């Protein structure tokens, strides 16, 4: 389908989604978020898609949520419409891997959107921040909860209370991003990572995503049990037999997602 706020391309089993509100530095309004959820949902249902990449422009992944959209809303408005909850849940329901390729500013909602991905690859010009305190509010799409889990209490407090930005180098050291690459090669590197994932068996990839996400929410003993049961379950798949046989035979496996 045609979108107004994003550009979607599918090639080599990877769905590349570009946020496309250049006049607003890709600020996240509800239309954009709903289109993003729709595109990811379609990718989930498309057997040709095995991984997704979300990116913005070189200047801005997303400079925040759309302030004009929110400025006149009351508590009753945001509470009754449950602002951002359906859109966030639509992204979280996606079982296929999602990579955020972040160049330039990822602030407020932009940083929160990047953290909804399974991992972040950052250009060396990336800047992350949760500056909502400057607007008299606070993060509302995971900028306190996810950020704390990823970078720890001290840095999360520092960023959320002062509104300061974290550059790409610090973000990698803190555990917010998985790697930093030259900004000019960002999308190329993210697509290469997505294609590498796309080569694997889809069943084991989905199981790994589920296990890591659960590990982030469970006590260690429960996470270990959940991991082990998924590990055991994969021995019921044809892909497990093929993967191990190919290793023994010293050849590339031919996974069939069965």
C-alpha atoms as a PDB file:
ATOM      1  CA  UNK A   1       0.000   0.000   0.000  1.00  0.00           C
ATOM      2  CA  UNK A   2       0.990   3.648  -0.372  1.00  0.00           C
ATOM      3  CA  UNK A   3       2.168   5.465   2.751  1.00  0.00           C
ATOM      4  CA  UNK A   4       2.422   9.194   3.423  1.00  0.00           C
ATOM      5  CA  UNK A   5       4.971   9.224   6.251  1.00  0.00           C
ATOM      6  CA  UNK A   6       7.217   6.248   5.557  1.00  0.00           C
ATOM      7  CA  UNK A   7       8.900   4.615   2.562  1.00  0.00           C
ATOM      8  CA  UNK A   8       8.928   0.818   2.394  1.00  0.00           C
ATOM      9  CA  UNK A   9      11.242  -1.298   0.243  1.00  0.00           C
ATOM     10  CA  UNK A  10      11.564  -5.093   0.286  1.00  0.00           C
ATOM     11  CA  UNK A  11      14.670  -6.684  -1.197  1.00  0.00           C
ATOM     12  CA  UNK A  12      16.793  -9.733  -0.396  1.00  0.00           C
ATOM     13  CA  UNK A  13      14.272 -10.908   2.236  1.00  0.00           C
ATOM     14  CA  UNK A  14      14.654  -7.632   4.169  1.00  0.00           C
ATOM     15  CA  UNK A  15      12.010  -4.954   4.678  1.00  0.00           C
ATOM     16  CA  UNK A  16      13.609  -1.504   4.845  1.00  0.00           C
ATOM     17  CA  UNK A  17      11.350   1.174   6.339  1.00  0.00           C
ATOM     18  CA  UNK A  18      12.434   4.808   6.133  1.00  0.00           C
ATOM     19  CA  UNK A  19      10.714   7.408   8.280  1.00  0.00           C
ATOM     20  CA  UNK A  20       9.836  10.200   5.875  1.00  0.00           C
ATOM     21  CA  UNK A  21       8.718  13.478   7.450  1.00  0.00           C
ATOM     22  CA  UNK A  22      11.730  15.581   6.389  1.00  0.00           C
ATOM     23  CA  UNK A  23      10.126  18.932   7.183  1.00  0.00           C
ATOM     24  CA  UNK A  24       9.635  17.819  10.804  1.00  0.00           C
ATOM     25  CA  UNK A  25      12.916  15.910  11.221  1.00  0.00           C
ATOM     26  CA  UNK A  26      10.820  12.718  11.251  1.00  0.00           C
ATOM     27  CA  UNK A  27       8.916  13.756  14.378  1.00  0.00           C
ATOM     28  CA  UNK A  28       6.574  10.944  15.347  1.00  0.00           C
ATOM     29  CA  UNK A  29       2.908  11.771  14.978  1.00  0.00           C
ATOM     30  CA  UNK A  30       0.148   9.195  15.260  1.00  0.00           C
ATOM     31  CA  UNK A  31      -0.200   8.849  11.493  1.00  0.00           C
ATOM     32  CA  UNK A  32       3.471   7.930  11.128  1.00  0.00           C
ATOM     33  CA  UNK A  33       3.384   5.488  14.038  1.00  0.00           C
ATOM     34  CA  UNK A  34       0.250   3.825  12.711  1.00  0.00           C
ATOM     35  CA  UNK A  35       1.751   3.511   9.246  1.00  0.00           C
ATOM     36  CA  UNK A  36       4.887   2.029  10.783  1.00  0.00           C
ATOM     37  CA  UNK A  37       2.854  -0.517  12.728  1.00  0.00           C
ATOM     38  CA  UNK A  38       0.901  -1.368   9.570  1.00  0.00           C
ATOM     39  CA  UNK A  39       4.067  -1.820   7.497  1.00  0.00           C
ATOM     40  CA  UNK A  40       5.677  -4.012  10.146  1.00  0.00           C
ATOM     41  CA  UNK A  41       2.483  -6.042  10.437  1.00  0.00           C
ATOM     42  CA  UNK A  42       2.501  -6.617   6.682  1.00  0.00           C
ATOM     43  CA  UNK A  43       6.164  -7.621   6.873  1.00  0.00           C
ATOM     44  CA  UNK A  44       5.273 -10.092   9.612  1.00  0.00           C
ATOM     45  CA  UNK A  45       2.717 -11.723   7.300  1.00  0.00           C
ATOM     46  CA  UNK A  46       4.979 -11.666   4.224  1.00  0.00           C
ATOM     47  CA  UNK A  47       6.857 -14.956   3.870  1.00  0.00           C
ATOM     48  CA  UNK A  48       9.485 -13.220   1.734  1.00  0.00           C
ATOM     49  CA  UNK A  49      10.462 -10.929   4.621  1.00  0.00           C
ATOM     50  CA  UNK A  50      12.761 -12.418   7.227  1.00  0.00           C
ATOM     51  CA  UNK A  51      14.074  -9.276   8.961  1.00  0.00           C
ATOM     52  CA  UNK A  52      13.265  -5.549   9.097  1.00  0.00           C
ATOM     53  CA  UNK A  53      15.327  -2.357   9.271  1.00  0.00           C
ATOM     54  CA  UNK A  54      13.913   0.979  10.422  1.00  0.00           C
ATOM     55  CA  UNK A  55      15.873   4.120   9.620  1.00  0.00           C
ATOM     56  CA  UNK A  56      15.401   7.846   9.098  1.00  0.00           C
ATOM     57  CA  UNK A  57      17.525  10.445   7.350  1.00  0.00           C
ATOM     58  CA  UNK A  58      21.198  11.187   7.849  1.00  0.00           C
ATOM     59  CA  UNK A  59      20.262  14.235   9.926  1.00  0.00           C
ATOM     60  CA  UNK A  60      17.594  12.633  12.090  1.00  0.00           C
ATOM     61  CA  UNK A  61      16.309   9.161  12.837  1.00  0.00           C
ATOM     62  CA  UNK A  62      13.439  10.906  14.607  1.00  0.00           C
ATOM     63  CA  UNK A  63      13.831  14.150  16.540  1.00  0.00           C
ATOM     64  CA  UNK A  64      11.038  13.275  18.967  1.00  0.00           C
ATOM     65  CA  UNK A  65       7.297  12.907  19.182  1.00  0.00           C
ATOM     66  CA  UNK A  66       5.301  15.596  17.380  1.00  0.00           C
ATOM     67  CA  UNK A  67       4.917  18.386  19.957  1.00  0.00           C
ATOM     68  CA  UNK A  68       2.281  20.232  17.917  1.00  0.00           C
ATOM     69  CA  UNK A  69       0.146  17.098  17.971  1.00  0.00           C
ATOM     70  CA  UNK A  70       0.358  16.851  21.757  1.00  0.00           C
ATOM     71  CA  UNK A  71       0.504  20.440  22.991  1.00  0.00           C
ATOM     72  CA  UNK A  72      -3.246  21.113  23.275  1.00  0.00           C
ATOM     73  CA  UNK A  73      -4.210  17.703  24.684  1.00  0.00           C
ATOM     74  CA  UNK A  74      -5.485  17.383  28.253  1.00  0.00           C
ATOM     75  CA  UNK A  75      -5.035  14.585  30.753  1.00  0.00           C
ATOM     76  CA  UNK A  76      -8.497  13.315  29.863  1.00  0.00           C
ATOM     77  CA  UNK A  77      -7.560  13.304  26.168  1.00  0.00           C
ATOM     78  CA  UNK A  78      -4.330  11.336  26.514  1.00  0.00           C
ATOM     79  CA  UNK A  79      -5.724   9.008  29.181  1.00  0.00           C
ATOM     80  CA  UNK A  80      -8.939   8.080  27.392  1.00  0.00           C
ATOM     81  CA  UNK A  81      -7.248   7.571  24.007  1.00  0.00           C
ATOM     82  CA  UNK A  82      -4.322   5.841  25.769  1.00  0.00           C
ATOM     83  CA  UNK A  83      -1.846   7.922  23.786  1.00  0.00           C
ATOM     84  CA  UNK A  84       0.911   5.856  22.102  1.00  0.00           C
ATOM     85  CA  UNK A  85      -0.117   2.525  23.661  1.00  0.00           C
ATOM     86  CA  UNK A  86      -1.766   0.895  20.602  1.00  0.00           C
ATOM     87  CA  UNK A  87       1.062   2.066  18.358  1.00  0.00           C
ATOM     88  CA  UNK A  88       3.757   0.727  20.689  1.00  0.00           C
ATOM     89  CA  UNK A  89       1.953  -2.596  21.077  1.00  0.00           C
ATOM     90  CA  UNK A  90       1.677  -2.988  17.306  1.00  0.00           C
ATOM     91  CA  UNK A  91       5.465  -2.788  17.051  1.00  0.00           C
ATOM     92  CA  UNK A  92       6.073  -5.078  20.027  1.00  0.00           C
ATOM     93  CA  UNK A  93       3.862  -7.793  18.497  1.00  0.00           C
ATOM     94  CA  UNK A  94       6.252  -8.281  15.571  1.00  0.00           C
ATOM     95  CA  UNK A  95       8.059 -11.610  15.899  1.00  0.00           C
ATOM     96  CA  UNK A  96      10.573 -11.064  13.116  1.00  0.00           C
ATOM     97  CA  UNK A  97      13.832  -9.280  14.030  1.00  0.00           C
ATOM     98  CA  UNK A  98      13.866  -5.492  13.790  1.00  0.00           C
ATOM     99  CA  UNK A  99      17.062  -3.441  13.530  1.00  0.00           C
ATOM    100  CA  UNK A 100      17.050   0.313  14.123  1.00  0.00           C
ATOM    101  CA  UNK A 101      19.648   2.107  11.983  1.00  0.00           C
ATOM    102  CA  UNK A 102      20.130   5.453  13.709  1.00  0.00           C
ATOM    103  CA  UNK A 103      21.828   8.448  12.130  1.00  0.00           C
ATOM    104  CA  UNK A 104      21.681  11.941  13.581  1.00  0.00           C
ATOM    105  CA  UNK A 105      19.151  12.768  16.272  1.00  0.00           C
ATOM    106  CA  UNK A 106      17.143  10.092  18.082  1.00  0.00           C
ATOM    107  CA  UNK A 107      15.494  12.154  20.780  1.00  0.00           C
ATOM    108  CA  UNK A 108      12.452  11.589  22.959  1.00  0.00           C
ATOM    109  CA  UNK A 109      10.074   9.398  21.008  1.00  0.00           C
ATOM    110  CA  UNK A 110      12.807   8.807  18.439  1.00  0.00           C
ATOM    111  CA  UNK A 111      15.093   7.296  21.059  1.00  0.00           C
ATOM    112  CA  UNK A 112      12.147   5.301  22.396  1.00  0.00           C
ATOM    113  CA  UNK A 113      11.289   3.987  18.935  1.00  0.00           C
ATOM    114  CA  UNK A 114      14.898   2.916  18.398  1.00  0.00           C
ATOM    115  CA  UNK A 115      14.812   1.040  21.717  1.00  0.00           C
ATOM    116  CA  UNK A 116      11.701  -0.856  20.572  1.00  0.00           C
ATOM    117  CA  UNK A 117      13.871  -2.516  17.924  1.00  0.00           C
ATOM    118  CA  UNK A 118      15.745  -5.693  18.768  1.00  0.00           C
ATOM    119  CA  UNK A 119      19.040  -3.872  18.492  1.00  0.00           C
ATOM    120  CA  UNK A 120      20.401  -0.546  17.324  1.00  0.00           C
ATOM    121  CA  UNK A 121      23.211   0.085  14.858  1.00  0.00           C
ATOM    122  CA  UNK A 122      24.293   3.714  15.149  1.00  0.00           C
ATOM    123  CA  UNK A 123      26.055   5.989  12.734  1.00  0.00           C
ATOM    124  CA  UNK A 124      29.028   7.781  14.244  1.00  0.00           C
ATOM    125  CA  UNK A 125      26.997  11.009  14.120  1.00  0.00           C
ATOM    126  CA  UNK A 126      24.093   9.633  16.180  1.00  0.00           C
ATOM    127  CA  UNK A 127      22.850  11.447  19.271  1.00  0.00           C
ATOM    128  CA  UNK A 128      20.385   9.908  21.722  1.00  0.00           C
ATOM    129  CA  UNK A 129      18.378  11.676  24.389  1.00  0.00           C
ATOM    130  CA  UNK A 130      15.202  11.859  26.464  1.00  0.00           C
ATOM    131  CA  UNK A 131      14.653  15.627  26.768  1.00  0.00           C
ATOM    132  CA  UNK A 132      10.958  15.490  27.752  1.00  0.00           C
ATOM    133  CA  UNK A 133      11.778  17.171  31.073  1.00  0.00           C
ATOM    134  CA  UNK A 134      12.421  20.366  29.087  1.00  0.00           C
ATOM    135  CA  UNK A 135       8.752  20.297  28.063  1.00  0.00           C
ATOM    136  CA  UNK A 136       7.388  19.773  31.549  1.00  0.00           C
ATOM    137  CA  UNK A 137       6.648  16.091  30.976  1.00  0.00           C
ATOM    138  CA  UNK A 138       8.555  12.797  31.019  1.00  0.00           C
ATOM    139  CA  UNK A 139       9.198   9.896  28.645  1.00  0.00           C
ATOM    140  CA  UNK A 140       6.021   8.079  27.689  1.00  0.00           C
ATOM    141  CA  UNK A 141       7.018   5.289  25.279  1.00  0.00           C
ATOM    142  CA  UNK A 142       9.698   3.491  27.272  1.00  0.00           C
ATOM    143  CA  UNK A 143      12.280   6.207  27.757  1.00  0.00           C
ATOM    144  CA  UNK A 144      12.494   5.589  31.484  1.00  0.00           C
ATOM    145  CA  UNK A 145      11.751   1.846  31.584  1.00  0.00           C
ATOM    146  CA  UNK A 146      13.686   0.540  28.567  1.00  0.00           C
ATOM    147  CA  UNK A 147      16.510   3.044  28.926  1.00  0.00           C
ATOM    148  CA  UNK A 148      17.083   2.000  32.547  1.00  0.00           C
ATOM    149  CA  UNK A 149      17.276  -1.668  31.548  1.00  0.00           C
ATOM    150  CA  UNK A 150      19.697  -0.914  28.732  1.00  0.00           C
ATOM    151  CA  UNK A 151      22.085   1.621  30.274  1.00  0.00           C
ATOM    152  CA  UNK A 152      21.453   1.338  34.026  1.00  0.00           C
ATOM    153  CA  UNK A 153      19.815   3.566  36.612  1.00  0.00           C
ATOM    154  CA  UNK A 154      22.533   6.216  36.845  1.00  0.00           C
ATOM    155  CA  UNK A 155      22.742   7.063  33.151  1.00  0.00           C
ATOM    156  CA  UNK A 156      18.976   6.836  32.692  1.00  0.00           C
ATOM    157  CA  UNK A 157      18.468   9.283  35.562  1.00  0.00           C
ATOM    158  CA  UNK A 158      21.161  11.576  34.169  1.00  0.00           C
ATOM    159  CA  UNK A 159      19.631  11.664  30.688  1.00  0.00           C
ATOM    160  CA  UNK A 160      15.982  11.934  31.749  1.00  0.00           C
ATOM    161  CA  UNK A 161      16.517  14.516  34.499  1.00  0.00           C
ATOM    162  CA  UNK A 162      18.952  16.797  32.659  1.00  0.00           C
ATOM    163  CA  UNK A 163      17.796  16.199  29.097  1.00  0.00           C
ATOM    164  CA  UNK A 164      21.393  15.794  27.936  1.00  0.00           C
ATOM    165  CA  UNK A 165      22.252  13.884  24.772  1.00  0.00           C
ATOM    166  CA  UNK A 166      24.460  10.807  24.564  1.00  0.00           C
ATOM    167  CA  UNK A 167      26.691  10.508  21.504  1.00  0.00           C
ATOM    168  CA  UNK A 168      27.209   7.276  19.598  1.00  0.00           C
ATOM    169  CA  UNK A 169      30.477   6.367  21.316  1.00  0.00           C
ATOM    170  CA  UNK A 170      28.992   6.730  24.792  1.00  0.00           C
ATOM    171  CA  UNK A 171      25.830   4.907  23.687  1.00  0.00           C
ATOM    172  CA  UNK A 172      27.902   1.919  22.602  1.00  0.00           C
ATOM    173  CA  UNK A 173      29.886   1.898  25.843  1.00  0.00           C
ATOM    174  CA  UNK A 174      26.678   2.119  27.860  1.00  0.00           C
ATOM    175  CA  UNK A 175      25.002  -0.745  26.018  1.00  0.00           C
ATOM    176  CA  UNK A 176      22.334   1.281  24.246  1.00  0.00           C
ATOM    177  CA  UNK A 177      23.620   0.391  20.783  1.00  0.00           C
ATOM    178  CA  UNK A 178      25.205  -2.807  19.521  1.00  0.00           C
ATOM    179  CA  UNK A 179      27.789  -1.158  17.264  1.00  0.00           C
ATOM    180  CA  UNK A 180      28.824   2.156  15.713  1.00  0.00           C
ATOM    181  CA  UNK A 181      29.620   2.498  12.022  1.00  0.00           C
ATOM    182  CA  UNK A 182      30.434   5.431   9.727  1.00  0.00           C
ATOM    183  CA  UNK A 183      27.241   7.385   9.083  1.00  0.00           C
ATOM    184  CA  UNK A 184      27.687   7.115   5.314  1.00  0.00           C
ATOM    185  CA  UNK A 185      27.657   3.314   5.582  1.00  0.00           C
ATOM    186  CA  UNK A 186      24.917   3.017   8.192  1.00  0.00           C
ATOM    187  CA  UNK A 187      22.076   1.654   6.062  1.00  0.00           C
ATOM    188  CA  UNK A 188      24.480  -0.585   4.165  1.00  0.00           C
ATOM    189  CA  UNK A 189      25.739  -2.080   7.438  1.00  0.00           C
ATOM    190  CA  UNK A 190      22.234  -2.470   8.865  1.00  0.00           C
ATOM    191  CA  UNK A 191      20.998  -4.192   5.713  1.00  0.00           C
ATOM    192  CA  UNK A 192      24.020  -6.497   5.774  1.00  0.00           C
ATOM    193  CA  UNK A 193      23.166  -7.475   9.350  1.00  0.00           C
ATOM    194  CA  UNK A 194      19.529  -8.029   8.399  1.00  0.00           C
ATOM    195  CA  UNK A 195      20.509 -10.180   5.420  1.00  0.00           C
ATOM    196  CA  UNK A 196      22.760 -12.238   7.681  1.00  0.00           C
ATOM    197  CA  UNK A 197      19.781 -12.864   9.964  1.00  0.00           C
ATOM    198  CA  UNK A 198      17.634 -13.660   6.917  1.00  0.00           C
ATOM    199  CA  UNK A 199      19.969 -16.544   6.053  1.00  0.00           C
ATOM    200  CA  UNK A 200      19.132 -18.332   9.304  1.00  0.00           C
ATOM    201  CA  UNK A 201      16.168 -20.556  10.041  1.00  0.00           C
ATOM    202  CA  UNK A 202      13.117 -18.446  10.856  1.00  0.00           C
ATOM    203  CA  UNK A 203      11.989 -20.709  13.699  1.00  0.00           C
ATOM    204  CA  UNK A 204      15.237 -20.456  15.649  1.00  0.00           C
ATOM    205  CA  UNK A 205      15.430 -16.707  14.970  1.00  0.00           C
ATOM    206  CA  UNK A 206      11.948 -16.137  16.411  1.00  0.00           C
ATOM    207  CA  UNK A 207      12.766 -18.369  19.389  1.00  0.00           C
ATOM    208  CA  UNK A 208      15.945 -16.394  20.120  1.00  0.00           C
ATOM    209  CA  UNK A 209      14.076 -13.061  19.927  1.00  0.00           C
ATOM    210  CA  UNK A 210      11.425 -14.366  22.303  1.00  0.00           C
ATOM    211  CA  UNK A 211      13.972 -15.795  24.746  1.00  0.00           C
ATOM    212  CA  UNK A 212      16.068 -12.625  24.914  1.00  0.00           C
ATOM    213  CA  UNK A 213      12.985 -10.449  25.385  1.00  0.00           C
ATOM    214  CA  UNK A 214      11.685 -12.707  28.153  1.00  0.00           C
ATOM    215  CA  UNK A 215      15.113 -12.747  29.821  1.00  0.00           C
ATOM    216  CA  UNK A 216      14.852  -8.980  30.091  1.00  0.00           C
ATOM    217  CA  UNK A 217      11.621  -9.327  32.072  1.00  0.00           C
ATOM    218  CA  UNK A 218      12.030 -12.532  34.137  1.00  0.00           C
ATOM    219  CA  UNK A 219      14.103 -13.528  37.144  1.00  0.00           C
ATOM    220  CA  UNK A 220      17.237 -15.376  36.033  1.00  0.00           C
ATOM    221  CA  UNK A 221      16.039 -18.834  37.100  1.00  0.00           C
ATOM    222  CA  UNK A 222      12.791 -18.460  35.146  1.00  0.00           C
ATOM    223  CA  UNK A 223      14.604 -17.048  32.110  1.00  0.00           C
ATOM    224  CA  UNK A 224      17.024 -19.981  32.103  1.00  0.00           C
ATOM    225  CA  UNK A 225      14.151 -22.467  32.249  1.00  0.00           C
ATOM    226  CA  UNK A 226      12.300 -20.653  29.442  1.00  0.00           C
ATOM    227  CA  UNK A 227      15.474 -20.638  27.328  1.00  0.00           C
ATOM    228  CA  UNK A 228      16.124 -24.331  27.917  1.00  0.00           C
ATOM    229  CA  UNK A 229      12.603 -25.365  26.995  1.00  0.00           C
ATOM    230  CA  UNK A 230      12.784 -23.414  23.738  1.00  0.00           C
ATOM    231  CA  UNK A 231      16.189 -24.985  23.081  1.00  0.00           C
ATOM    232  CA  UNK A 232      14.708 -28.428  23.657  1.00  0.00           C
ATOM    233  CA  UNK A 233      11.711 -27.621  21.448  1.00  0.00           C
ATOM    234  CA  UNK A 234      13.935 -26.737  18.489  1.00  0.00           C
ATOM    235  CA  UNK A 235      15.050 -30.375  18.381  1.00  0.00           C
ATOM    236  CA  UNK A 236      11.588 -31.129  16.985  1.00  0.00           C
ATOM    237  CA  UNK A 237      12.336 -29.085  13.843  1.00  0.00           C
ATOM    238  CA  UNK A 238      13.760 -30.140  10.503  1.00  0.00           C
ATOM    239  CA  UNK A 239      16.026 -27.084  10.627  1.00  0.00           C
ATOM    240  CA  UNK A 240      17.833 -28.462  13.692  1.00  0.00           C
ATOM    241  CA  UNK A 241      18.583 -31.713  11.864  1.00  0.00           C
ATOM    242  CA  UNK A 242      19.675 -29.843   8.743  1.00  0.00           C
ATOM    243  CA  UNK A 243      21.832 -27.347  10.653  1.00  0.00           C
ATOM    244  CA  UNK A 244      23.717 -29.970  12.621  1.00  0.00           C
ATOM    245  CA  UNK A 245      24.084 -32.323   9.652  1.00  0.00           C
ATOM    246  CA  UNK A 246      25.423 -29.479   7.508  1.00  0.00           C
ATOM    247  CA  UNK A 247      27.948 -28.613  10.226  1.00  0.00           C
ATOM    248  CA  UNK A 248      29.177 -32.213  10.348  1.00  0.00           C
ATOM    249  CA  UNK A 249      29.286 -32.403   6.541  1.00  0.00           C
ATOM    250  CA  UNK A 250      31.149 -29.061   6.378  1.00  0.00           C
ATOM    251  CA  UNK A 251      28.591 -27.400   4.080  1.00  0.00           C
ATOM    252  CA  UNK A 252      26.186 -24.496   4.272  1.00  0.00           C
ATOM    253  CA  UNK A 253      22.795 -25.423   5.761  1.00  0.00           C
ATOM    254  CA  UNK A 254      19.640 -25.147   3.681  1.00  0.00           C
ATOM    255  CA  UNK A 255      17.017 -24.117   6.202  1.00  0.00           C
ATOM    256  CA  UNK A 256      13.374 -24.662   5.283  1.00  0.00           C
ATOM    257  CA  UNK A 257      11.663 -23.108   8.319  1.00  0.00           C
ATOM    258  CA  UNK A 258      10.238 -26.427   9.403  1.00  0.00           C
END
